[in-house]
Amino acid sequence: MTILHRVAAGVALAGALLAPATASGQGTTAAVVLGLPTSPRSLGLAGAGAPVVADAWAAFLAPAQLGRVAGMSVAVSSESYLAGTQLSAGGLALPIGPGALGVGAALLDYGSVREIASSLPGGDGLETGRRVSASDQALVVGYGARLPWRGVRAGAAVEVVQTAIADLANGTAAAAFGVAWTSASGWDVSAGAQHLGPHLRIGATSSPLPATWRAGVAAPEVHLWGGAVRVMAEARHATAAGLSGAAAAEGRWTVRN
């Protein structure tokens, strides 16, 4: 039996690269789930894994990379996130024609709290006996294909997101697109845009989606100690978050029993 092990480590770059939202007057964004790393690998790589992804998670991260999927790919993850939230996601990629079709769904569950009603704004209230909850849900459908030029791929995706807070809920649609290239020497480059769509309105509040432009590069693997190590980096610009980046390294080795 052959077992493949992976270890990934990444760090987000801040400082001069980070443009504070308060300075640009942008505020916060809606549909938080769209900007979160849906896979454990992406989380470990600090979101810098777009140049190397080659499975069902590509529908979320870089639709052009669906063109690398050689066989059916199924992915599922669930993790406890910040402040007691739960992030769960899954995806499926199927080779069709010169590329692959990818479908994915993600849920960010904020949990629930006891409802307290008050007749006066800011005044003391009474529990109603009900619990109210909030969540973000996203559905992604994308296709990526190999182009006639050697090593070049392109892809696009449609994203449908819904946010529910207590008795209020609303949704909207967005688009993503990108390109990727693999050189003969093993360098991988990817670039694209995600979450491009109209504001999401919940009740009287309207907020923009976390529209993101990103570009990344991954160096060829370096073989050592019976395994391989790969270094990668990405720069991105997102609504409200401004300009930021990440650098990461991933190691893999095979154990045969």
C-alpha atoms as a PDB file:
ATOM      1  CA  MET A   1       0.000   0.000   0.000  1.00  0.00           C
ATOM      2  CA  THR A   2       1.262   3.493  -0.909  1.00  0.00           C
ATOM      3  CA  ILE A   3       0.361   6.479   1.258  1.00  0.00           C
ATOM      4  CA  LEU A   4       1.008  10.060   0.157  1.00  0.00           C
ATOM      5  CA  HIS A   5       1.676  12.568   2.929  1.00  0.00           C
ATOM      6  CA  ARG A   6       1.551  16.355   2.527  1.00  0.00           C
ATOM      7  CA  VAL A   7       2.665  19.109   4.867  1.00  0.00           C
ATOM      8  CA  ALA A   8       1.830  22.723   4.024  1.00  0.00           C
ATOM      9  CA  ALA A   9       2.811  25.942   5.763  1.00  0.00           C
ATOM     10  CA  GLY A  10       2.031  29.479   4.721  1.00  0.00           C
ATOM     11  CA  VAL A  11       2.127  33.009   6.042  1.00  0.00           C
ATOM     12  CA  ALA A  12       0.035  36.019   5.071  1.00  0.00           C
ATOM     13  CA  LEU A  13       1.977  39.148   4.253  1.00  0.00           C
ATOM     14  CA  ALA A  14       0.817  42.413   5.807  1.00  0.00           C
ATOM     15  CA  GLY A  15       2.559  45.670   6.596  1.00  0.00           C
ATOM     16  CA  ALA A  16       3.127  47.752   3.488  1.00  0.00           C
ATOM     17  CA  LEU A  17       1.018  45.432   1.346  1.00  0.00           C
ATOM     18  CA  LEU A  18      -2.101  45.805   3.461  1.00  0.00           C
ATOM     19  CA  ALA A  19      -4.348  48.760   2.683  1.00  0.00           C
ATOM     20  CA  PRO A  20      -6.624  49.389   5.696  1.00  0.00           C
ATOM     21  CA  ALA A  21     -10.326  49.496   4.860  1.00  0.00           C
ATOM     22  CA  THR A  22     -10.769  52.566   7.018  1.00  0.00           C
ATOM     23  CA  ALA A  23      -8.318  54.509   4.892  1.00  0.00           C
ATOM     24  CA  SER A  24     -10.227  53.787   1.701  1.00  0.00           C
ATOM     25  CA  GLY A  25     -13.621  54.216   3.321  1.00  0.00           C
ATOM     26  CA  GLN A  26     -14.832  50.851   2.068  1.00  0.00           C
ATOM     27  CA  GLY A  27     -16.071  49.233   5.258  1.00  0.00           C
ATOM     28  CA  THR A  28     -17.048  45.568   5.396  1.00  0.00           C
ATOM     29  CA  THR A  29     -18.245  43.093   2.790  1.00  0.00           C
ATOM     30  CA  ALA A  30     -21.130  40.650   2.577  1.00  0.00           C
ATOM     31  CA  ALA A  31     -21.015  36.878   1.955  1.00  0.00           C
ATOM     32  CA  VAL A  32     -17.987  36.197   4.144  1.00  0.00           C
ATOM     33  CA  VAL A  33     -18.000  32.535   3.066  1.00  0.00           C
ATOM     34  CA  LEU A  34     -16.786  33.512  -0.420  1.00  0.00           C
ATOM     35  CA  GLY A  35     -13.465  34.758   0.920  1.00  0.00           C
ATOM     36  CA  LEU A  36     -12.645  31.829   3.209  1.00  0.00           C
ATOM     37  CA  PRO A  37     -10.296  28.904   2.392  1.00  0.00           C
ATOM     38  CA  THR A  38     -12.653  25.976   1.808  1.00  0.00           C
ATOM     39  CA  SER A  39     -10.025  23.207   1.879  1.00  0.00           C
ATOM     40  CA  PRO A  40      -7.482  22.256   4.581  1.00  0.00           C
ATOM     41  CA  ARG A  41      -4.714  22.482   1.956  1.00  0.00           C
ATOM     42  CA  SER A  42      -5.702  26.023   1.002  1.00  0.00           C
ATOM     43  CA  LEU A  43      -5.837  26.985   4.672  1.00  0.00           C
ATOM     44  CA  GLY A  44      -2.372  25.530   5.278  1.00  0.00           C
ATOM     45  CA  LEU A  45      -0.985  27.431   2.280  1.00  0.00           C
ATOM     46  CA  ALA A  46      -2.504  30.732   3.517  1.00  0.00           C
ATOM     47  CA  GLY A  47      -4.638  30.872   0.368  1.00  0.00           C
ATOM     48  CA  ALA A  48      -1.584  30.847  -1.938  1.00  0.00           C
ATOM     49  CA  GLY A  49      -2.357  27.465  -3.523  1.00  0.00           C
ATOM     50  CA  ALA A  50      -4.133  28.643  -6.699  1.00  0.00           C
ATOM     51  CA  PRO A  51      -1.122  27.911  -8.957  1.00  0.00           C
ATOM     52  CA  VAL A  52      -0.964  24.245  -7.842  1.00  0.00           C
ATOM     53  CA  VAL A  53      -4.554  23.182  -7.161  1.00  0.00           C
ATOM     54  CA  ALA A  54      -5.617  20.332  -9.457  1.00  0.00           C
ATOM     55  CA  ASP A  55      -8.746  18.800  -7.907  1.00  0.00           C
ATOM     56  CA  ALA A  56     -12.370  19.609  -7.067  1.00  0.00           C
ATOM     57  CA  TRP A  57     -11.324  22.567  -4.870  1.00  0.00           C
ATOM     58  CA  ALA A  58     -10.287  24.428  -8.033  1.00  0.00           C
ATOM     59  CA  ALA A  59     -13.935  25.436  -8.551  1.00  0.00           C
ATOM     60  CA  PHE A  60     -13.616  27.660  -5.462  1.00  0.00           C
ATOM     61  CA  LEU A  61     -10.012  28.831  -5.805  1.00  0.00           C
ATOM     62  CA  ALA A  62      -9.128  29.027  -9.511  1.00  0.00           C
ATOM     63  CA  PRO A  63     -11.586  27.717 -12.137  1.00  0.00           C
ATOM     64  CA  ALA A  64      -8.864  27.676 -14.809  1.00  0.00           C
ATOM     65  CA  GLN A  65      -7.174  24.878 -12.861  1.00  0.00           C
ATOM     66  CA  LEU A  66     -10.136  22.594 -13.489  1.00  0.00           C
ATOM     67  CA  GLY A  67      -8.346  22.074 -16.797  1.00  0.00           C
ATOM     68  CA  ARG A  68      -5.745  20.043 -14.844  1.00  0.00           C
ATOM     69  CA  VAL A  69      -8.245  17.544 -13.427  1.00  0.00           C
ATOM     70  CA  ALA A  70      -7.478  14.174 -15.080  1.00  0.00           C
ATOM     71  CA  GLY A  71     -10.126  12.034 -13.373  1.00  0.00           C
ATOM     72  CA  MET A  72     -13.202  12.365 -11.170  1.00  0.00           C
ATOM     73  CA  SER A  73     -12.348  14.290  -8.007  1.00  0.00           C
ATOM     74  CA  VAL A  74     -14.457  14.468  -4.832  1.00  0.00           C
ATOM     75  CA  ALA A  75     -13.591  16.661  -1.847  1.00  0.00           C
ATOM     76  CA  VAL A  76     -15.266  17.265   1.525  1.00  0.00           C
ATOM     77  CA  SER A  77     -14.154  19.294   4.542  1.00  0.00           C
ATOM     78  CA  SER A  78     -15.569  20.692   7.772  1.00  0.00           C
ATOM     79  CA  GLU A  79     -13.756  22.748  10.373  1.00  0.00           C
ATOM     80  CA  SER A  80     -14.399  24.923  13.374  1.00  0.00           C
ATOM     81  CA  TYR A  81     -13.676  28.500  12.395  1.00  0.00           C
ATOM     82  CA  LEU A  82     -13.426  31.792  14.272  1.00  0.00           C
ATOM     83  CA  ALA A  83     -15.724  32.762  17.149  1.00  0.00           C
ATOM     84  CA  GLY A  84     -17.543  29.431  17.298  1.00  0.00           C
ATOM     85  CA  THR A  85     -18.514  29.329  13.623  1.00  0.00           C
ATOM     86  CA  GLN A  86     -18.446  26.154  11.515  1.00  0.00           C
ATOM     87  CA  LEU A  87     -17.194  26.112   7.917  1.00  0.00           C
ATOM     88  CA  SER A  88     -18.185  23.109   5.782  1.00  0.00           C
ATOM     89  CA  ALA A  89     -17.638  22.600   2.064  1.00  0.00           C
ATOM     90  CA  GLY A  90     -17.620  19.962  -0.632  1.00  0.00           C
ATOM     91  CA  GLY A  91     -16.879  19.724  -4.321  1.00  0.00           C
ATOM     92  CA  LEU A  92     -17.017  17.439  -7.345  1.00  0.00           C
ATOM     93  CA  ALA A  93     -15.040  17.703 -10.579  1.00  0.00           C
ATOM     94  CA  LEU A  94     -15.721  15.606 -13.681  1.00  0.00           C
ATOM     95  CA  PRO A  95     -13.558  15.603 -16.817  1.00  0.00           C
ATOM     96  CA  ILE A  96     -15.617  16.709 -19.828  1.00  0.00           C
ATOM     97  CA  GLY A  97     -14.064  17.470 -23.211  1.00  0.00           C
ATOM     98  CA  PRO A  98     -10.756  19.359 -23.013  1.00  0.00           C
ATOM     99  CA  GLY A  99     -11.265  20.206 -19.333  1.00  0.00           C
ATOM    100  CA  ALA A 100     -13.473  19.507 -16.348  1.00  0.00           C
ATOM    101  CA  LEU A 101     -16.752  20.683 -14.852  1.00  0.00           C
ATOM    102  CA  GLY A 102     -16.596  21.581 -11.180  1.00  0.00           C
ATOM    103  CA  VAL A 103     -19.467  21.964  -8.710  1.00  0.00           C
ATOM    104  CA  GLY A 104     -19.036  23.023  -5.110  1.00  0.00           C
ATOM    105  CA  ALA A 105     -21.061  24.117  -2.099  1.00  0.00           C
ATOM    106  CA  ALA A 106     -19.986  25.847   1.109  1.00  0.00           C
ATOM    107  CA  LEU A 107     -21.764  26.698   4.364  1.00  0.00           C
ATOM    108  CA  LEU A 108     -20.580  29.072   7.072  1.00  0.00           C
ATOM    109  CA  ASP A 109     -22.772  28.500  10.146  1.00  0.00           C
ATOM    110  CA  TYR A 110     -22.596  31.329  12.678  1.00  0.00           C
ATOM    111  CA  GLY A 111     -24.585  29.334  15.235  1.00  0.00           C
ATOM    112  CA  SER A 112     -27.598  30.584  17.180  1.00  0.00           C
ATOM    113  CA  VAL A 113     -28.392  32.800  20.180  1.00  0.00           C
ATOM    114  CA  ARG A 114     -31.424  33.385  22.378  1.00  0.00           C
ATOM    115  CA  GLU A 115     -33.767  36.052  21.025  1.00  0.00           C
ATOM    116  CA  ILE A 116     -34.347  39.046  23.295  1.00  0.00           C
ATOM    117  CA  ALA A 117     -37.110  41.532  22.482  1.00  0.00           C
ATOM    118  CA  SER A 118     -37.333  45.092  23.775  1.00  0.00           C
ATOM    119  CA  SER A 119     -39.984  47.747  23.268  1.00  0.00           C
ATOM    120  CA  LEU A 120     -37.388  50.545  23.602  1.00  0.00           C
ATOM    121  CA  PRO A 121     -34.214  50.856  21.519  1.00  0.00           C
ATOM    122  CA  GLY A 122     -31.246  50.053  23.729  1.00  0.00           C
ATOM    123  CA  GLY A 123     -33.469  49.147  26.648  1.00  0.00           C
ATOM    124  CA  ASP A 124     -33.606  45.941  28.649  1.00  0.00           C
ATOM    125  CA  GLY A 125     -35.496  43.156  26.952  1.00  0.00           C
ATOM    126  CA  LEU A 126     -37.086  39.827  27.677  1.00  0.00           C
ATOM    127  CA  GLU A 127     -36.280  36.452  26.187  1.00  0.00           C
ATOM    128  CA  THR A 128     -38.942  35.305  23.734  1.00  0.00           C
ATOM    129  CA  GLY A 129     -38.114  31.610  24.024  1.00  0.00           C
ATOM    130  CA  ARG A 130     -36.913  31.547  20.423  1.00  0.00           C
ATOM    131  CA  ARG A 131     -33.398  31.140  19.096  1.00  0.00           C
ATOM    132  CA  VAL A 132     -32.155  33.056  16.064  1.00  0.00           C
ATOM    133  CA  SER A 133     -29.366  31.934  13.769  1.00  0.00           C
ATOM    134  CA  ALA A 134     -27.272  33.215  10.863  1.00  0.00           C
ATOM    135  CA  SER A 135     -25.436  31.586   7.984  1.00  0.00           C
ATOM    136  CA  ASP A 136     -23.786  32.134   4.619  1.00  0.00           C
ATOM    137  CA  GLN A 137     -24.298  29.599   1.823  1.00  0.00           C
ATOM    138  CA  ALA A 138     -22.548  29.474  -1.544  1.00  0.00           C
ATOM    139  CA  LEU A 139     -22.930  27.332  -4.652  1.00  0.00           C
ATOM    140  CA  VAL A 140     -20.222  27.395  -7.328  1.00  0.00           C
ATOM    141  CA  VAL A 141     -20.392  25.903 -10.838  1.00  0.00           C
ATOM    142  CA  GLY A 142     -17.356  26.277 -13.069  1.00  0.00           C
ATOM    143  CA  TYR A 143     -15.536  24.890 -16.070  1.00  0.00           C
ATOM    144  CA  GLY A 144     -11.853  24.993 -16.903  1.00  0.00           C
ATOM    145  CA  ALA A 145     -10.172  23.760 -20.074  1.00  0.00           C
ATOM    146  CA  ARG A 146      -6.781  23.285 -21.682  1.00  0.00           C
ATOM    147  CA  LEU A 147      -6.222  25.735 -24.534  1.00  0.00           C
ATOM    148  CA  PRO A 148      -4.368  24.974 -27.789  1.00  0.00           C
ATOM    149  CA  TRP A 149      -1.228  26.748 -26.540  1.00  0.00           C
ATOM    150  CA  ARG A 150       1.059  24.450 -24.574  1.00  0.00           C
ATOM    151  CA  GLY A 151       0.499  24.607 -20.831  1.00  0.00           C
ATOM    152  CA  VAL A 152      -2.221  27.292 -20.987  1.00  0.00           C
ATOM    153  CA  ARG A 153      -5.613  26.859 -19.317  1.00  0.00           C
ATOM    154  CA  ALA A 154      -8.627  29.130 -18.850  1.00  0.00           C
ATOM    155  CA  GLY A 155     -11.814  28.850 -16.834  1.00  0.00           C
ATOM    156  CA  ALA A 156     -14.861  30.630 -15.472  1.00  0.00           C
ATOM    157  CA  ALA A 157     -17.417  30.038 -12.743  1.00  0.00           C
ATOM    158  CA  VAL A 158     -20.801  31.264 -11.566  1.00  0.00           C
ATOM    159  CA  GLU A 159     -21.237  31.788  -7.830  1.00  0.00           C
ATOM    160  CA  VAL A 160     -24.619  31.967  -6.110  1.00  0.00           C
ATOM    161  CA  VAL A 161     -24.576  33.114  -2.482  1.00  0.00           C
ATOM    162  CA  GLN A 162     -27.268  33.541   0.156  1.00  0.00           C
ATOM    163  CA  THR A 163     -27.048  35.120   3.597  1.00  0.00           C
ATOM    164  CA  ALA A 164     -29.635  34.482   6.310  1.00  0.00           C
ATOM    165  CA  ILE A 165     -29.833  36.441   9.560  1.00  0.00           C
ATOM    166  CA  ALA A 166     -32.752  35.604  11.857  1.00  0.00           C
ATOM    167  CA  ASP A 167     -35.910  36.088   9.743  1.00  0.00           C
ATOM    168  CA  LEU A 168     -34.110  37.991   6.982  1.00  0.00           C
ATOM    169  CA  ALA A 169     -32.501  36.331   3.960  1.00  0.00           C
ATOM    170  CA  ASN A 170     -31.368  37.351   0.515  1.00  0.00           C
ATOM    171  CA  GLY A 171     -28.973  36.226  -2.176  1.00  0.00           C
ATOM    172  CA  THR A 172     -27.164  37.297  -5.292  1.00  0.00           C
ATOM    173  CA  ALA A 173     -24.993  35.894  -8.066  1.00  0.00           C
ATOM    174  CA  ALA A 174     -21.384  36.610  -8.978  1.00  0.00           C
ATOM    175  CA  ALA A 175     -18.802  35.541 -11.538  1.00  0.00           C
ATOM    176  CA  ALA A 176     -15.206  34.348 -11.490  1.00  0.00           C
ATOM    177  CA  PHE A 177     -12.695  33.834 -14.272  1.00  0.00           C
ATOM    178  CA  GLY A 178      -9.001  33.200 -14.696  1.00  0.00           C
ATOM    179  CA  VAL A 179      -6.077  31.812 -16.643  1.00  0.00           C
ATOM    180  CA  ALA A 180      -3.172  29.535 -15.716  1.00  0.00           C
ATOM    181  CA  TRP A 181       0.063  28.394 -17.314  1.00  0.00           C
ATOM    182  CA  THR A 182       2.544  25.601 -16.650  1.00  0.00           C
ATOM    183  CA  SER A 183       6.006  25.988 -18.168  1.00  0.00           C
ATOM    184  CA  ALA A 184       8.090  23.162 -19.563  1.00  0.00           C
ATOM    185  CA  SER A 185      10.481  23.584 -16.630  1.00  0.00           C
ATOM    186  CA  GLY A 186       7.735  23.161 -14.002  1.00  0.00           C
ATOM    187  CA  TRP A 187       6.821  26.734 -13.068  1.00  0.00           C
ATOM    188  CA  ASP A 188       3.091  27.330 -12.466  1.00  0.00           C
ATOM    189  CA  VAL A 189       1.435  30.738 -12.811  1.00  0.00           C
ATOM    190  CA  SER A 190      -2.223  31.661 -12.283  1.00  0.00           C
ATOM    191  CA  ALA A 191      -4.234  34.892 -12.323  1.00  0.00           C
ATOM    192  CA  GLY A 192      -7.908  35.724 -12.106  1.00  0.00           C
ATOM    193  CA  ALA A 193     -10.816  37.536 -10.510  1.00  0.00           C
ATOM    194  CA  GLN A 194     -13.503  36.192  -8.186  1.00  0.00           C
ATOM    195  CA  HIS A 195     -16.775  37.257  -6.568  1.00  0.00           C
ATOM    196  CA  LEU A 196     -17.602  39.927  -9.136  1.00  0.00           C
ATOM    197  CA  GLY A 197     -21.240  40.832  -8.616  1.00  0.00           C
ATOM    198  CA  PRO A 198     -23.761  43.332  -7.228  1.00  0.00           C
ATOM    199  CA  HIS A 199     -24.192  44.330  -3.602  1.00  0.00           C
ATOM    200  CA  LEU A 200     -26.056  41.964  -1.299  1.00  0.00           C
ATOM    201  CA  ARG A 201     -28.931  43.593   0.579  1.00  0.00           C
ATOM    202  CA  ILE A 202     -30.184  42.259   3.916  1.00  0.00           C
ATOM    203  CA  GLY A 203     -33.021  44.316   5.318  1.00  0.00           C
ATOM    204  CA  ALA A 204     -31.954  47.971   5.170  1.00  0.00           C
ATOM    205  CA  THR A 205     -28.237  47.153   4.813  1.00  0.00           C
ATOM    206  CA  SER A 206     -26.455  46.773   1.467  1.00  0.00           C
ATOM    207  CA  SER A 207     -22.850  45.561   1.333  1.00  0.00           C
ATOM    208  CA  PRO A 208     -20.481  44.691  -1.531  1.00  0.00           C
ATOM    209  CA  LEU A 209     -19.232  41.188  -2.213  1.00  0.00           C
ATOM    210  CA  PRO A 210     -15.535  40.511  -1.447  1.00  0.00           C
ATOM    211  CA  ALA A 211     -14.468  41.004  -5.090  1.00  0.00           C
ATOM    212  CA  THR A 212     -10.913  39.680  -5.359  1.00  0.00           C
ATOM    213  CA  TRP A 213      -8.164  39.977  -7.978  1.00  0.00           C
ATOM    214  CA  ARG A 214      -5.294  37.535  -7.490  1.00  0.00           C
ATOM    215  CA  ALA A 215      -2.071  36.399  -9.162  1.00  0.00           C
ATOM    216  CA  GLY A 216       0.245  33.646  -7.973  1.00  0.00           C
ATOM    217  CA  VAL A 217       3.337  31.679  -8.916  1.00  0.00           C
ATOM    218  CA  ALA A 218       4.760  28.334  -7.789  1.00  0.00           C
ATOM    219  CA  ALA A 219       8.384  27.279  -8.322  1.00  0.00           C
ATOM    220  CA  PRO A 220       9.290  23.802  -9.597  1.00  0.00           C
ATOM    221  CA  GLU A 221       9.519  21.047  -7.017  1.00  0.00           C
ATOM    222  CA  VAL A 222      12.843  20.491  -5.326  1.00  0.00           C
ATOM    223  CA  HIS A 223      13.474  16.819  -4.517  1.00  0.00           C
ATOM    224  CA  LEU A 224      15.215  16.086  -1.247  1.00  0.00           C
ATOM    225  CA  TRP A 225      15.198  13.580   1.621  1.00  0.00           C
ATOM    226  CA  GLY A 226      13.058  11.140  -0.312  1.00  0.00           C
ATOM    227  CA  GLY A 227      10.319  13.688  -0.940  1.00  0.00           C
ATOM    228  CA  ALA A 228       9.706  17.013  -2.646  1.00  0.00           C
ATOM    229  CA  VAL A 229       9.263  20.616  -1.525  1.00  0.00           C
ATOM    230  CA  ARG A 230       7.573  23.405  -3.459  1.00  0.00           C
ATOM    231  CA  VAL A 231       7.542  27.144  -2.732  1.00  0.00           C
ATOM    232  CA  MET A 232       4.748  29.477  -3.892  1.00  0.00           C
ATOM    233  CA  ALA A 233       3.496  33.036  -3.413  1.00  0.00           C
ATOM    234  CA  GLU A 234       0.437  35.104  -4.257  1.00  0.00           C
ATOM    235  CA  ALA A 235      -0.599  38.758  -4.347  1.00  0.00           C
ATOM    236  CA  ARG A 236      -4.276  39.688  -4.092  1.00  0.00           C
ATOM    237  CA  HIS A 237      -6.523  42.709  -3.875  1.00  0.00           C
ATOM    238  CA  ALA A 238      -9.930  42.344  -2.253  1.00  0.00           C
ATOM    239  CA  THR A 239     -12.758  44.776  -1.591  1.00  0.00           C
ATOM    240  CA  ALA A 240     -12.389  46.269   1.919  1.00  0.00           C
ATOM    241  CA  ALA A 241      -9.228  44.258   2.664  1.00  0.00           C
ATOM    242  CA  GLY A 242      -7.090  46.080   0.104  1.00  0.00           C
ATOM    243  CA  LEU A 243      -3.781  44.699  -1.192  1.00  0.00           C
ATOM    244  CA  SER A 244      -2.232  41.735   0.576  1.00  0.00           C
ATOM    245  CA  GLY A 245      -0.210  38.640  -0.170  1.00  0.00           C
ATOM    246  CA  ALA A 246       0.889  35.232   1.037  1.00  0.00           C
ATOM    247  CA  ALA A 247       3.933  32.994   0.758  1.00  0.00           C
ATOM    248  CA  ALA A 248       3.905  29.261   1.415  1.00  0.00           C
ATOM    249  CA  ALA A 249       5.821  26.022   1.081  1.00  0.00           C
ATOM    250  CA  GLU A 250       4.481  22.506   0.683  1.00  0.00           C
ATOM    251  CA  GLY A 251       6.297  19.233   1.208  1.00  0.00           C
ATOM    252  CA  ARG A 252       5.195  15.773   0.164  1.00  0.00           C
ATOM    253  CA  TRP A 253       6.611  12.303   0.576  1.00  0.00           C
ATOM    254  CA  THR A 254       5.423   8.768  -0.087  1.00  0.00           C
ATOM    255  CA  VAL A 255       5.430   5.904   2.377  1.00  0.00           C
ATOM    256  CA  ARG A 256       5.214   2.375   0.982  1.00  0.00           C
ATOM    257  CA  ASN A 257       4.229  -0.516   3.245  1.00  0.00           C
END
